PDB file of N, CA and C in Angstrom:
ATOM      1  N   MET A   1      -8.863  25.209  41.811  1.00  0.00           N
ATOM      2  CA  MET A   1      -8.788  24.991  43.292  1.00  0.00           C
ATOM      3  C   MET A   1      -9.980  26.263  44.259  1.00  0.00           C
ATOM      4  N   LYS A   2     -10.784  25.463  44.550  1.00  0.00           N
ATOM      5  CA  LYS A   2     -11.524  26.685  44.974  1.00  0.00           C
ATOM      6  C   LYS A   2     -11.597  27.357  46.438  1.00  0.00           C
ATOM      7  N   THR A   3     -12.143  28.734  46.886  1.00  0.00           N
ATOM      8  CA  THR A   3     -11.806  28.844  47.960  1.00  0.00           C
ATOM      9  C   THR A   3     -11.375  28.811  49.409  1.00  0.00           C
ATOM     10  N   PRO A   4     -12.876  27.537  49.443  1.00  0.00           N
ATOM     11  CA  PRO A   4     -12.987  27.289  50.724  1.00  0.00           C
ATOM     12  C   PRO A   4     -11.367  26.044  50.765  1.00  0.00           C
ATOM     13  N   ASP A   5     -11.071  25.243  49.608  1.00  0.00           N
ATOM     14  CA  ASP A   5      -9.983  24.547  49.893  1.00  0.00           C
ATOM     15  C   ASP A   5      -8.817  25.017  50.070  1.00  0.00           C
ATOM     16  N   LEU A   6      -8.415  26.248  49.431  1.00  0.00           N
ATOM     17  CA  LEU A   6      -7.346  27.067  49.177  1.00  0.00           C
ATOM     18  C   LEU A   6      -7.264  27.353  51.029  1.00  0.00           C
ATOM     19  N   LYS A   7      -8.589  28.003  51.486  1.00  0.00           N
ATOM     20  CA  LYS A   7      -8.126  28.684  53.180  1.00  0.00           C
ATOM     21  C   LYS A   7      -7.939  27.392  53.673  1.00  0.00           C
ATOM     22  N   LYS A   8      -8.377  26.118  53.681  1.00  0.00           N
ATOM     23  CA  LYS A   8      -7.900  25.045  54.489  1.00  0.00           C
ATOM     24  C   LYS A   8      -6.618  24.284  54.519  1.00  0.00           C
ATOM     25  N   LEU A   9      -5.961  24.927  53.422  1.00  0.00           N
ATOM     26  CA  LEU A   9      -4.548  24.952  53.150  1.00  0.00           C
ATOM     27  C   LEU A   9      -3.910  25.756  53.795  1.00  0.00           C
ATOM     28  N   ILE A  10      -4.241  27.081  53.759  1.00  0.00           N
ATOM     29  CA  ILE A  10      -3.467  27.969  54.435  1.00  0.00           C
ATOM     30  C   ILE A  10      -3.511  27.632  56.356  1.00  0.00           C
ATOM     31  N   ILE A  11      -5.228  27.668  56.508  1.00  0.00           N
ATOM     32  CA  ILE A  11      -4.829  27.435  57.897  1.00  0.00           C
ATOM     33  C   ILE A  11      -4.275  26.228  58.482  1.00  0.00           C
ATOM     34  N   GLY A  12      -4.212  25.071  57.580  1.00  0.00           N
ATOM     35  CA  GLY A  12      -3.623  23.933  57.607  1.00  0.00           C
ATOM     36  C   GLY A  12      -2.000  24.332  57.831  1.00  0.00           C
ATOM     37  N   SER A  13      -1.528  24.852  56.708  1.00  0.00           N
ATOM     38  CA  SER A  13       0.202  25.091  57.316  1.00  0.00           C
ATOM     39  C   SER A  13       0.207  25.913  58.190  1.00  0.00           C
ATOM     40  N   LEU A  14      -0.625  26.269  58.984  1.00  0.00           N
ATOM     41  CA  LEU A  14      -0.341  27.235  60.524  1.00  0.00           C
ATOM     42  C   LEU A  14      -0.116  26.216  61.449  1.00  0.00           C
ATOM     43  N   ASN A  15      -0.900  25.060  61.366  1.00  0.00           N
ATOM     44  CA  ASN A  15      -0.148  23.831  61.972  1.00  0.00           C
ATOM     45  C   ASN A  15       1.305  23.013  62.375  1.00  0.00           C
ATOM     46  N   ALA A  16       1.703  23.794  63.809  1.00  0.00           N
ATOM     47  CA  ALA A  16       2.885  22.926  63.700  1.00  0.00           C
ATOM     48  C   ALA A  16       3.266  21.439  63.388  1.00  0.00           C
ATOM     49  N   ASN A  17       2.011  20.519  63.546  1.00  0.00           N
ATOM     50  CA  ASN A  17       2.457  19.119  63.095  1.00  0.00           C
ATOM     51  C   ASN A  17       2.144  19.045  61.363  1.00  0.00           C
ATOM     52  N   SER A  18       1.569  19.924  60.893  1.00  0.00           N
ATOM     53  CA  SER A  18       1.647  19.670  59.213  1.00  0.00           C
ATOM     54  C   SER A  18       3.202  20.009  58.473  1.00  0.00           C
ATOM     55  N   ASP A  19       3.132  19.339  57.533  1.00  0.00           N
ATOM     56  CA  ASP A  19       4.482  19.098  56.560  1.00  0.00           C
ATOM     57  C   ASP A  19       4.160  20.234  55.581  1.00  0.00           C
ATOM     58  N   SER A  20       5.189  21.218  55.645  1.00  0.00           N
ATOM     59  CA  SER A  20       5.077  22.491  54.804  1.00  0.00           C
ATOM     60  C   SER A  20       5.208  22.177  53.134  1.00  0.00           C
ATOM     61  N   GLU A  21       6.066  20.712  53.167  1.00  0.00           N
ATOM     62  CA  GLU A  21       6.509  20.389  51.726  1.00  0.00           C
ATOM     63  C   GLU A  21       5.377  20.128  50.918  1.00  0.00           C
ATOM     64  N   GLU A  22       4.259  19.015  51.666  1.00  0.00           N
ATOM     65  CA  GLU A  22       3.317  18.618  51.124  1.00  0.00           C
ATOM     66  C   GLU A  22       2.016  20.037  51.006  1.00  0.00           C
ATOM     67  N   ILE A  23       1.992  20.578  51.955  1.00  0.00           N
ATOM     68  CA  ILE A  23       1.164  21.697  51.644  1.00  0.00           C
ATOM     69  C   ILE A  23       1.628  22.135  50.074  1.00  0.00           C
ATOM     70  N   ALA A  24       2.948  22.875  50.202  1.00  0.00           N
ATOM     71  CA  ALA A  24       3.277  23.492  49.108  1.00  0.00           C
ATOM     72  C   ALA A  24       2.841  22.618  47.457  1.00  0.00           C
ATOM     73  N   GLY A  25       3.167  21.364  47.771  1.00  0.00           N
ATOM     74  CA  GLY A  25       3.241  20.621  46.754  1.00  0.00           C
ATOM     75  C   GLY A  25       1.646  20.685  46.482  1.00  0.00           C
ATOM     76  N   LYS A  26       0.757  20.470  46.896  1.00  0.00           N
ATOM     77  CA  LYS A  26      -0.889  20.335  46.642  1.00  0.00           C
ATOM     78  C   LYS A  26      -0.928  21.842  45.865  1.00  0.00           C
ATOM     79  N   LEU A  27      -0.520  22.575  46.879  1.00  0.00           N
ATOM     80  CA  LEU A  27      -0.613  24.138  45.905  1.00  0.00           C
ATOM     81  C   LEU A  27       0.008  24.272  44.252  1.00  0.00           C
ATOM     82  N   GLU A  28       1.284  23.742  44.295  1.00  0.00           N
ATOM     83  CA  GLU A  28       1.992  23.580  43.083  1.00  0.00           C
ATOM     84  C   GLU A  28       1.055  22.968  42.182  1.00  0.00           C
ATOM     85  N   LYS A  29       0.605  22.004  42.560  1.00  0.00           N
ATOM     86  CA  LYS A  29      -0.240  21.018  41.847  1.00  0.00           C
ATOM     87  C   LYS A  29      -1.558  21.872  41.157  1.00  0.00           C
ATOM     88  N   GLU A  30      -2.386  22.697  41.867  1.00  0.00           N
ATOM     89  CA  GLU A  30      -3.285  23.163  41.672  1.00  0.00           C
ATOM     90  C   GLU A  30      -3.056  24.561  40.528  1.00  0.00           C
ATOM     91  N   GLY A  31      -1.607  24.799  40.569  1.00  0.00           N
ATOM     92  CA  GLY A  31      -1.359  26.403  40.001  1.00  0.00           C
ATOM     93  C   GLY A  31      -0.993  27.073  40.768  1.00  0.00           C
ATOM     94  N   VAL A  32      -1.145  27.194  41.757  1.00  0.00           N
ATOM     95  CA  VAL A  32      -0.125  28.320  42.435  1.00  0.00           C
ATOM     96  C   VAL A  32       1.259  28.296  43.203  1.00  0.00           C
ATOM     97  N   SER A  33       1.625  29.203  42.603  1.00  0.00           N
ATOM     98  CA  SER A  33       2.979  29.297  42.652  1.00  0.00           C
ATOM     99  C   SER A  33       3.292  30.896  43.489  1.00  0.00           C
ATOM    100  N   TYR A  34       4.643  30.773  43.983  1.00  0.00           N
ATOM    101  CA  TYR A  34       5.350  31.919  44.836  1.00  0.00           C
ATOM    102  C   TYR A  34       6.662  32.258  44.178  1.00  0.00           C
ATOM    103  N   LYS A  35       6.155  32.307  42.874  1.00  0.00           N
ATOM    104  CA  LYS A  35       7.657  33.081  42.418  1.00  0.00           C
ATOM    105  C   LYS A  35       7.803  34.898  42.163  1.00  0.00           C
ATOM    106  N   PHE A  36       8.747  35.385  42.886  1.00  0.00           N
ATOM    107  CA  PHE A  36       8.920  36.665  43.127  1.00  0.00           C
ATOM    108  C   PHE A  36       9.783  37.325  41.860  1.00  0.00           C
ATOM    109  N   SER A  37       9.088  38.629  41.505  1.00  0.00           N
ATOM    110  CA  SER A  37       9.762  39.311  40.498  1.00  0.00           C
ATOM    111  C   SER A  37      11.316  39.306  40.837  1.00  0.00           C
ATOM    112  N   ASN A  38      12.002  40.085  39.928  1.00  0.00           N
ATOM    113  CA  ASN A  38      13.464  40.552  39.826  1.00  0.00           C
ATOM    114  C   ASN A  38      13.538  41.537  40.438  1.00  0.00           C
ATOM    115  N   GLY A  39      14.439  41.360  41.693  1.00  0.00           N
ATOM    116  CA  GLY A  39      15.177  42.775  42.086  1.00  0.00           C
ATOM    117  C   GLY A  39      14.368  42.770  43.545  1.00  0.00           C
ATOM    118  N   PHE A  40      13.207  41.720  44.074  1.00  0.00           N
ATOM    119  CA  PHE A  40      12.378  41.500  44.986  1.00  0.00           C
ATOM    120  C   PHE A  40      13.494  41.789  46.204  1.00  0.00           C
ATOM    121  N   THR A  41      14.082  41.216  46.359  1.00  0.00           N
ATOM    122  CA  THR A  41      15.310  41.240  47.559  1.00  0.00           C
ATOM    123  C   THR A  41      15.878  42.431  47.746  1.00  0.00           C
ATOM    124  N   ASP A  42      15.887  43.082  46.741  1.00  0.00           N
ATOM    125  CA  ASP A  42      16.699  44.477  47.043  1.00  0.00           C
ATOM    126  C   ASP A  42      15.762  45.770  47.033  1.00  0.00           C
ATOM    127  N   LYS A  43      14.190  45.467  46.505  1.00  0.00           N
ATOM    128  CA  LYS A  43      13.235  46.181  47.577  1.00  0.00           C
ATOM    129  C   LYS A  43      12.941  46.293  49.186  1.00  0.00           C
ATOM    130  N   VAL A  44      13.167  44.849  49.413  1.00  0.00           N
ATOM    131  CA  VAL A  44      12.792  44.504  51.125  1.00  0.00           C
ATOM    132  C   VAL A  44      13.894  45.302  51.361  1.00  0.00           C
ATOM    133  N   ILE A  45      15.107  44.930  50.939  1.00  0.00           N
ATOM    134  CA  ILE A  45      16.315  45.209  51.809  1.00  0.00           C
ATOM    135  C   ILE A  45      16.556  47.108  51.465  1.00  0.00           C
ATOM    136  N   ASP A  46      15.954  47.577  50.816  1.00  0.00           N
ATOM    137  CA  ASP A  46      15.865  49.235  50.539  1.00  0.00           C
ATOM    138  C   ASP A  46      14.640  49.509  51.798  1.00  0.00           C
ATOM    139  N   LYS A  47      13.827  48.634  51.975  1.00  0.00           N
ATOM    140  CA  LYS A  47      12.591  49.387  52.433  1.00  0.00           C
ATOM    141  C   LYS A  47      13.353  49.225  53.890  1.00  0.00           C
ATOM    142  N   ILE A  48      13.825  47.973  54.101  1.00  0.00           N
ATOM    143  CA  ILE A  48      14.413  47.801  55.699  1.00  0.00           C
ATOM    144  C   ILE A  48      15.111  48.863  56.120  1.00  0.00           C
ATOM    145  N   PHE A  49      16.277  49.085  55.202  1.00  0.00           N
ATOM    146  CA  PHE A  49      17.349  50.443  55.856  1.00  0.00           C
ATOM    147  C   PHE A  49      16.711  51.799  55.673  1.00  0.00           C
ATOM    148  N   SER A  50      16.021  51.992  54.455  1.00  0.00           N
ATOM    149  CA  SER A  50      15.300  53.655  54.727  1.00  0.00           C
ATOM    150  C   SER A  50      14.788  53.338  55.898  1.00  0.00           C
ATOM    151  N   ALA A  51      13.828  52.707  56.531  1.00  0.00           N
ATOM    152  CA  ALA A  51      13.198  52.705  57.991  1.00  0.00           C
ATOM    153  C   ALA A  51      14.457  53.307  59.143  1.00  0.00           C
ATOM    154  N   SER A  52      15.328  53.036  58.899  1.00  0.00           N
ATOM    155  CA  SER A  52      16.538  53.220  59.915  1.00  0.00           C
ATOM    156  C   SER A  52      16.759  54.738  59.898  1.00  0.00           C
ATOM    157  N   SER A  53      16.778  54.721  58.711  1.00  0.00           N
ATOM    158  CA  SER A  53      16.934  56.300  58.263  1.00  0.00           C
ATOM    159  C   SER A  53      16.132  57.579  59.062  1.00  0.00           C
ATOM    160  N   THR A  54      14.542  56.868  58.991  1.00  0.00           N
ATOM    161  CA  THR A  54      13.636  57.495  59.224  1.00  0.00           C
ATOM    162  C   THR A  54      13.617  58.214  60.369  1.00  0.00           C
ATOM    163  N   VAL A  55      14.178  56.693  61.486  1.00  0.00           N
ATOM    164  CA  VAL A  55      14.716  56.900  62.935  1.00  0.00           C
ATOM    165  C   VAL A  55      15.796  57.960  63.126  1.00  0.00           C
ATOM    166  N   THR A  56      16.800  57.878  62.339  1.00  0.00           N
ATOM    167  CA  THR A  56      17.835  58.905  62.524  1.00  0.00           C
ATOM    168  C   THR A  56      17.539  60.676  62.266  1.00  0.00           C
ATOM    169  N   ARG A  57      16.113  60.558  61.470  1.00  0.00           N
ATOM    170  CA  ARG A  57      15.740  61.573  61.162  1.00  0.00           C
ATOM    171  C   ARG A  57      14.997  62.028  62.322  1.00  0.00           C
ATOM    172  N   GLU A  58      14.388  61.190  62.827  1.00  0.00           N
ATOM    173  CA  GLU A  58      13.263  61.540  64.405  1.00  0.00           C
ATOM    174  C   GLU A  58      14.199  61.719  65.351  1.00  0.00           C
ATOM    175  N   ILE A  59      15.615  61.445  65.032  1.00  0.00           N
ATOM    176  CA  ILE A  59      16.185  61.847  66.627  1.00  0.00           C
ATOM    177  C   ILE A  59      16.679  62.615  66.316  1.00  0.00           C
ATOM    178  N   GLU A  60      17.603  63.251  64.970  1.00  0.00           N
ATOM    179  CA  GLU A  60      18.143  64.782  64.777  1.00  0.00           C
ATOM    180  C   GLU A  60      16.790  65.543  64.928  1.00  0.00           C
ATOM    181  N   PHE A  61      15.522  65.376  64.871  1.00  0.00           N
ATOM    182  CA  PHE A  61      14.575  66.456  64.894  1.00  0.00           C
ATOM    183  C   PHE A  61      14.772  66.713  66.536  1.00  0.00           C
ATOM    184  N   VAL A  62      14.150  65.766  67.320  1.00  0.00           N
ATOM    185  CA  VAL A  62      14.094  66.038  68.647  1.00  0.00           C
ATOM    186  C   VAL A  62      15.351  66.360  69.425  1.00  0.00           C
ATOM    187  N   LYS A  63      16.530  66.379  68.960  1.00  0.00           N
ATOM    188  CA  LYS A  63      18.178  67.192  69.250  1.00  0.00           C
ATOM    189  C   LYS A  63      17.521  68.704  68.550  1.00  0.00           C
ATOM    190  N   SER A  64      17.069  68.853  67.796  1.00  0.00           N
ATOM    191  CA  SER A  64      17.256  70.098  67.390  1.00  0.00           C
ATOM    192  C   SER A  64      16.122  70.924  68.112  1.00  0.00           C
ATOM    193  N   MET A  65      14.864  70.302  68.486  1.00  0.00           N
ATOM    194  CA  MET A  65      13.883  70.870  69.397  1.00  0.00           C
ATOM    195  C   MET A  65      14.373  71.055  70.499  1.00  0.00           C
ATOM    196  N   ASN A  66      15.337  69.992  70.844  1.00  0.00           N
ATOM    197  CA  ASN A  66      15.687  70.493  72.811  1.00  0.00           C
ATOM    198  C   ASN A  66      16.609  71.384  72.564  1.00  0.00           C
ATOM    199  N   TYR A  67      17.328  71.843  71.524  1.00  0.00           N
ATOM    200  CA  TYR A  67      18.382  72.565  71.358  1.00  0.00           C
ATOM    201  C   TYR A  67      17.603  74.315  71.262  1.00  0.00           C
ATOM    202  N   VAL A  68      16.308  74.488  70.440  1.00  0.00           N
ATOM    203  CA  VAL A  68      15.747  75.644  70.534  1.00  0.00           C
ATOM    204  C   VAL A  68      15.128  76.000  71.269  1.00  0.00           C
ATOM    205  N   PHE A  69      14.422  74.502  72.128  1.00  0.00           N
ATOM    206  CA  PHE A  69      13.630  75.051  73.753  1.00  0.00           C
ATOM    207  C   PHE A  69      14.691  75.732  74.469  1.00  0.00           C
ATOM    208  N   CYS A  70      15.857  75.108  74.558  1.00  0.00           N
ATOM    209  CA  CYS A  70      16.792  75.428  75.655  1.00  0.00           C
ATOM    210  C   CYS A  70      16.852  76.998  75.426  1.00  0.00           C
ATOM    211  N   ARG A  71      17.417  77.509  73.981  1.00  0.00           N
ATOM    212  CA  ARG A  71      17.617  78.586  73.293  1.00  0.00           C
ATOM    213  C   ARG A  71      16.590  79.918  73.745  1.00  0.00           C
ATOM    214  N   ILE A  72      15.130  79.390  73.768  1.00  0.00           N
ATOM    215  CA  ILE A  72      13.759  80.167  74.130  1.00  0.00           C
ATOM    216  C   ILE A  72      13.620  80.300  75.378  1.00  0.00           C
ATOM    217  N   ALA A  73      13.701  79.106  75.997  1.00  0.00           N
ATOM    218  CA  ALA A  73      13.603  79.133  77.555  1.00  0.00           C
ATOM    219  C   ALA A  73      14.792  80.247  78.161  1.00  0.00           C
ATOM    220  N   PHE A  74      16.006  80.081  78.152  1.00  0.00           N
ATOM    221  CA  PHE A  74      16.641  80.891  78.584  1.00  0.00           C
ATOM    222  C   PHE A  74      16.336  82.561  78.491  1.00  0.00           C
ATOM    223  N   THR A  75      15.949  82.732  77.440  1.00  0.00           N
ATOM    224  CA  THR A  75      15.805  84.302  76.880  1.00  0.00           C
ATOM    225  C   THR A  75      14.392  84.153  77.554  1.00  0.00           C
ATOM    226  N   GLY A  76      13.679  83.303  77.693  1.00  0.00           N
ATOM    227  CA  GLY A  76      12.380  83.855  78.371  1.00  0.00           C
ATOM    228  C   GLY A  76      12.429  84.048  79.853  1.00  0.00           C
ATOM    229  N   VAL A  77      13.741  83.430  80.610  1.00  0.00           N
ATOM    230  CA  VAL A  77      13.897  83.428  81.827  1.00  0.00           C
ATOM    231  C   VAL A  77      14.544  85.038  82.039  1.00  0.00           C
ATOM    232  N   ALA A  78      15.748  85.236  80.934  1.00  0.00           N
ATOM    233  CA  ALA A  78      16.378  86.422  80.906  1.00  0.00           C
ATOM    234  C   ALA A  78      15.146  87.581  80.946  1.00  0.00           C
ATOM    235  N   ALA A  79      14.038  87.455  79.966  1.00  0.00           N
ATOM    236  CA  ALA A  79      13.501  88.630  80.043  1.00  0.00           C
ATOM    237  C   ALA A  79      12.405  88.972  80.983  1.00  0.00           C
ATOM    238  N   ILE A  80      12.439  87.502  81.793  1.00  0.00           N
ATOM    239  CA  ILE A  80      11.712  87.817  83.328  1.00  0.00           C
ATOM    240  C   ILE A  80      11.984  88.211  84.288  1.00  0.00           C
ATOM    241  N   VAL A  81      13.619  88.164  84.239  1.00  0.00           N
ATOM    242  CA  VAL A  81      14.473  88.366  85.455  1.00  0.00           C
ATOM    243  C   VAL A  81      14.334  90.101  85.077  1.00  0.00           C
ATOM    244  N   ILE A  82      14.825  90.493  83.478  1.00  0.00           N
ATOM    245  CA  ILE A  82      14.492  92.006  83.630  1.00  0.00           C
ATOM    246  C   ILE A  82      13.494  92.390  84.052  1.00  0.00           C
ATOM    247  N   LEU A  83      12.312  92.197  83.457  1.00  0.00           N
ATOM    248  CA  LEU A  83      11.092  92.718  84.199  1.00  0.00           C
ATOM    249  C   LEU A  83      10.633  92.551  85.327  1.00  0.00           C
ATOM    250  N   LEU A  84      10.945  91.993  86.313  1.00  0.00           N
ATOM    251  CA  LEU A  84      11.001  91.696  87.843  1.00  0.00           C
ATOM    252  C   LEU A  84      11.663  92.927  88.378  1.00  0.00           C
ATOM    253  N   ILE A  85      13.174  92.685  87.475  1.00  0.00           N
ATOM    254  CA  ILE A  85      14.057  94.132  88.298  1.00  0.00           C
ATOM    255  C   ILE A  85      13.316  95.369  88.280  1.00  0.00           C
ATOM    256  N   SER A  86      12.966  95.579  87.046  1.00  0.00           N
ATOM    257  CA  SER A  86      12.509  97.338  86.438  1.00  0.00           C
ATOM    258  C   SER A  86      11.104  97.487  87.579  1.00  0.00           C
ATOM    259  N   ILE A  87      10.297  96.428  87.523  1.00  0.00           N
ATOM    260  CA  ILE A  87       9.176  96.326  88.405  1.00  0.00           C
ATOM    261  C   ILE A  87       9.798  96.607  90.101  1.00  0.00           C
ATOM    262  N   PHE A  88      11.063  96.323  90.343  1.00  0.00           N
ATOM    263  CA  PHE A  88      11.285  96.673  91.819  1.00  0.00           C
ATOM    264  C   PHE A  88      11.649  97.964  91.793  1.00  0.00           C
ATOM    265  N   LEU A  89      12.698  98.325  90.790  1.00  0.00           N
ATOM    266  CA  LEU A  89      12.788  99.802  90.935  1.00  0.00           C
ATOM    267  C   LEU A  89      12.307 100.419  90.415  1.00  0.00           C
ATOM    268  N   MET A  90      11.235  99.962  90.054  1.00  0.00           N
ATOM    269  CA  MET A  90       9.645 101.649  89.926  1.00  0.00           C
ATOM    270  C   MET A  90       9.110 101.804  90.983  1.00  0.00           C
ATOM    271  N   GLU A  91       8.638 100.854  91.993  1.00  0.00           N
ATOM    272  CA  GLU A  91       8.265 100.754  93.313  1.00  0.00           C
ATOM    273  C   GLU A  91       9.194 101.056  94.252  1.00  0.00           C
ATOM    274  N   GLY A  92      10.508 100.847  94.300  1.00  0.00           N
ATOM    275  CA  GLY A  92      11.686 101.054  95.181  1.00  0.00           C
ATOM    276  C   GLY A  92      11.395 100.231  96.690  1.00  0.00           C
ATOM    277  N   SER A  93      11.139  99.107  96.186  1.00  0.00           N
ATOM    278  CA  SER A  93      11.577  98.355  97.386  1.00  0.00           C
ATOM    279  C   SER A  93      10.929  96.713  96.806  1.00  0.00           C
ATOM    280  N   VAL A  94      11.301  95.667  97.665  1.00  0.00           N
ATOM    281  CA  VAL A  94      11.252  94.308  97.640  1.00  0.00           C
ATOM    282  C   VAL A  94       9.991  93.653  98.294  1.00  0.00           C
ATOM    283  N   SER A  95       8.902  93.662  97.570  1.00  0.00           N
ATOM    284  CA  SER A  95       8.074  93.098  98.737  1.00  0.00           C
ATOM    285  C   SER A  95       6.902  91.948  97.903  1.00  0.00           C
ATOM    286  N   ILE A  96       5.913  91.590  98.458  1.00  0.00           N
ATOM    287  CA  ILE A  96       5.230  90.748  97.425  1.00  0.00           C
ATOM    288  C   ILE A  96       3.725  91.784  96.797  1.00  0.00           C
ATOM    289  N   ASN A  97       3.552  93.094  97.384  1.00  0.00           N
ATOM    290  CA  ASN A  97       2.944  94.130  96.321  1.00  0.00           C
ATOM    291  C   ASN A  97       3.937  94.530  95.019  1.00  0.00           C
ATOM    292  N   SER A  98       5.377  94.654  95.415  1.00  0.00           N
ATOM    293  CA  SER A  98       5.753  94.856  94.226  1.00  0.00           C
ATOM    294  C   SER A  98       6.067  94.075  93.307  1.00  0.00           C
ATOM    295  N   PHE A  99       6.003  92.865  93.652  1.00  0.00           N
ATOM    296  CA  PHE A  99       6.285  91.642  92.806  1.00  0.00           C
ATOM    297  C   PHE A  99       4.824  90.900  92.188  1.00  0.00           C
ATOM    298  N   LEU A 100       4.063  91.691  92.620  1.00  0.00           N
ATOM    299  CA  LEU A 100       2.675  91.591  92.115  1.00  0.00           C
ATOM    300  C   LEU A 100       2.170  93.168  91.150  1.00  0.00           C
ATOM    301  N   GLY A 101       3.027  94.077  91.681  1.00  0.00           N
ATOM    302  CA  GLY A 101       2.780  95.214  90.514  1.00  0.00           C
ATOM    303  C   GLY A 101       1.581  96.039  91.453  1.00  0.00           C
ATOM    304  N   LEU A 102       1.712  96.071  92.702  1.00  0.00           N
ATOM    305  CA  LEU A 102       0.236  96.477  93.095  1.00  0.00           C
ATOM    306  C   LEU A 102       0.855  97.675  94.262  1.00  0.00           C
ATOM    307  N   GLY A 103       0.431  98.736  94.303  1.00  0.00           N
ATOM    308  CA  GLY A 103       0.531  99.910  95.069  1.00  0.00           C
ATOM    309  C   GLY A 103      -0.513  99.945  96.353  1.00  0.00           C
ATOM    310  N   ASP A 104      -0.025 100.847  97.071  1.00  0.00           N
ATOM    311  CA  ASP A 104      -0.681 100.520  98.666  1.00  0.00           C
ATOM    312  C   ASP A 104      -2.108 101.210  98.286  1.00  0.00           C
ATOM    313  N   THR A 105      -2.554 101.530  97.445  1.00  0.00           N
ATOM    314  CA  THR A 105      -4.333 101.702  96.951  1.00  0.00           C
ATOM    315  C   THR A 105      -4.938 100.672  96.842  1.00  0.00           C
ATOM    316  N   TYR A 106      -4.363  99.681  96.174  1.00  0.00           N
ATOM    317  CA  TYR A 106      -4.839  98.326  95.509  1.00  0.00           C
ATOM    318  C   TYR A 106      -5.122  97.730  96.634  1.00  0.00           C
ATOM    319  N   ASP A 107      -4.332  97.858  98.280  1.00  0.00           N
ATOM    320  CA  ASP A 107      -4.468  96.581  99.106  1.00  0.00           C
ATOM    321  C   ASP A 107      -5.554  96.380  99.913  1.00  0.00           C
ATOM    322  N   GLU A 108      -6.234  97.301  99.920  1.00  0.00           N
ATOM    323  CA  GLU A 108      -7.874  97.267 100.380  1.00  0.00           C
ATOM    324  C   GLU A 108      -8.955  96.850  99.619  1.00  0.00           C
ATOM    325  N   SER A 109      -8.900  97.143  98.378  1.00  0.00           N
ATOM    326  CA  SER A 109      -9.605  96.612  97.491  1.00  0.00           C
ATOM    327  C   SER A 109      -9.703  94.980  97.206  1.00  0.00           C
ATOM    328  N   ILE A 110      -8.189  94.772  97.049  1.00  0.00           N
ATOM    329  CA  ILE A 110      -8.212  93.239  97.019  1.00  0.00           C
ATOM    330  C   ILE A 110      -8.604  92.274  97.861  1.00  0.00           C
ATOM    331  N   VAL A 111      -8.406  93.176  99.428  1.00  0.00           N
ATOM    332  CA  VAL A 111      -9.033  92.400 100.638  1.00  0.00           C
ATOM    333  C   VAL A 111     -10.282  92.213 100.565  1.00  0.00           C
ATOM    334  N   CYS A 112     -11.061  93.287  99.822  1.00  0.00           N
ATOM    335  CA  CYS A 112     -12.319  93.218 100.160  1.00  0.00           C
ATOM    336  C   CYS A 112     -13.100  92.224  98.661  1.00  0.00           C
ATOM    337  N   LEU A 113     -12.317  92.353  97.875  1.00  0.00           N
ATOM    338  CA  LEU A 113     -12.562  91.190  96.894  1.00  0.00           C
ATOM    339  C   LEU A 113     -12.444  89.714  97.349  1.00  0.00           C
ATOM    340  N   LEU A 114     -11.313  89.574  97.981  1.00  0.00           N
ATOM    341  CA  LEU A 114     -11.050  88.306  98.684  1.00  0.00           C
ATOM    342  C   LEU A 114     -12.021  87.922  99.654  1.00  0.00           C
ATOM    343  N   THR A 115     -12.358  88.729 100.450  1.00  0.00           N
ATOM    344  CA  THR A 115     -13.182  88.166 102.037  1.00  0.00           C
ATOM    345  C   THR A 115     -14.430  88.315 101.723  1.00  0.00           C
ATOM    346  N   GLY A 116     -14.820  89.337 100.428  1.00  0.00           N
ATOM    347  CA  GLY A 116     -16.614  89.470 100.384  1.00  0.00           C
ATOM    348  C   GLY A 116     -17.007  90.506 101.134  1.00  0.00           C
ATOM    349  N   ASN A 117     -15.840  91.222 102.081  1.00  0.00           N
ATOM    350  CA  ASN A 117     -16.502  92.774 102.720  1.00  0.00           C
ATOM    351  C   ASN A 117     -16.412  93.544 102.131  1.00  0.00           C
TER     352      ASN A 117
END
């Protein structure tokens, strides 16, 4: 069977009105057979179930990443709070300047830089 004839049969089999047994018979007469090797179904089933284990691994990975992120985030927040408390204690007051780590001498230079005067 030539390639164009084979293409016509395959395209014809996609038609809803075509008889699949007739097309299969024509292909078998031409020497085309669809016999699968031994263990084919087992291999297909193994592939299907291995995909579900991949999804399970991805879910486990996301859970572990969430756990690690929470631990790092809480530690980072604690470090920031300790840093802010130390800045407030060094400056002696709770103000915007102490929050930014600025002293009284820097106020005028910042105002000059921001306003351009």
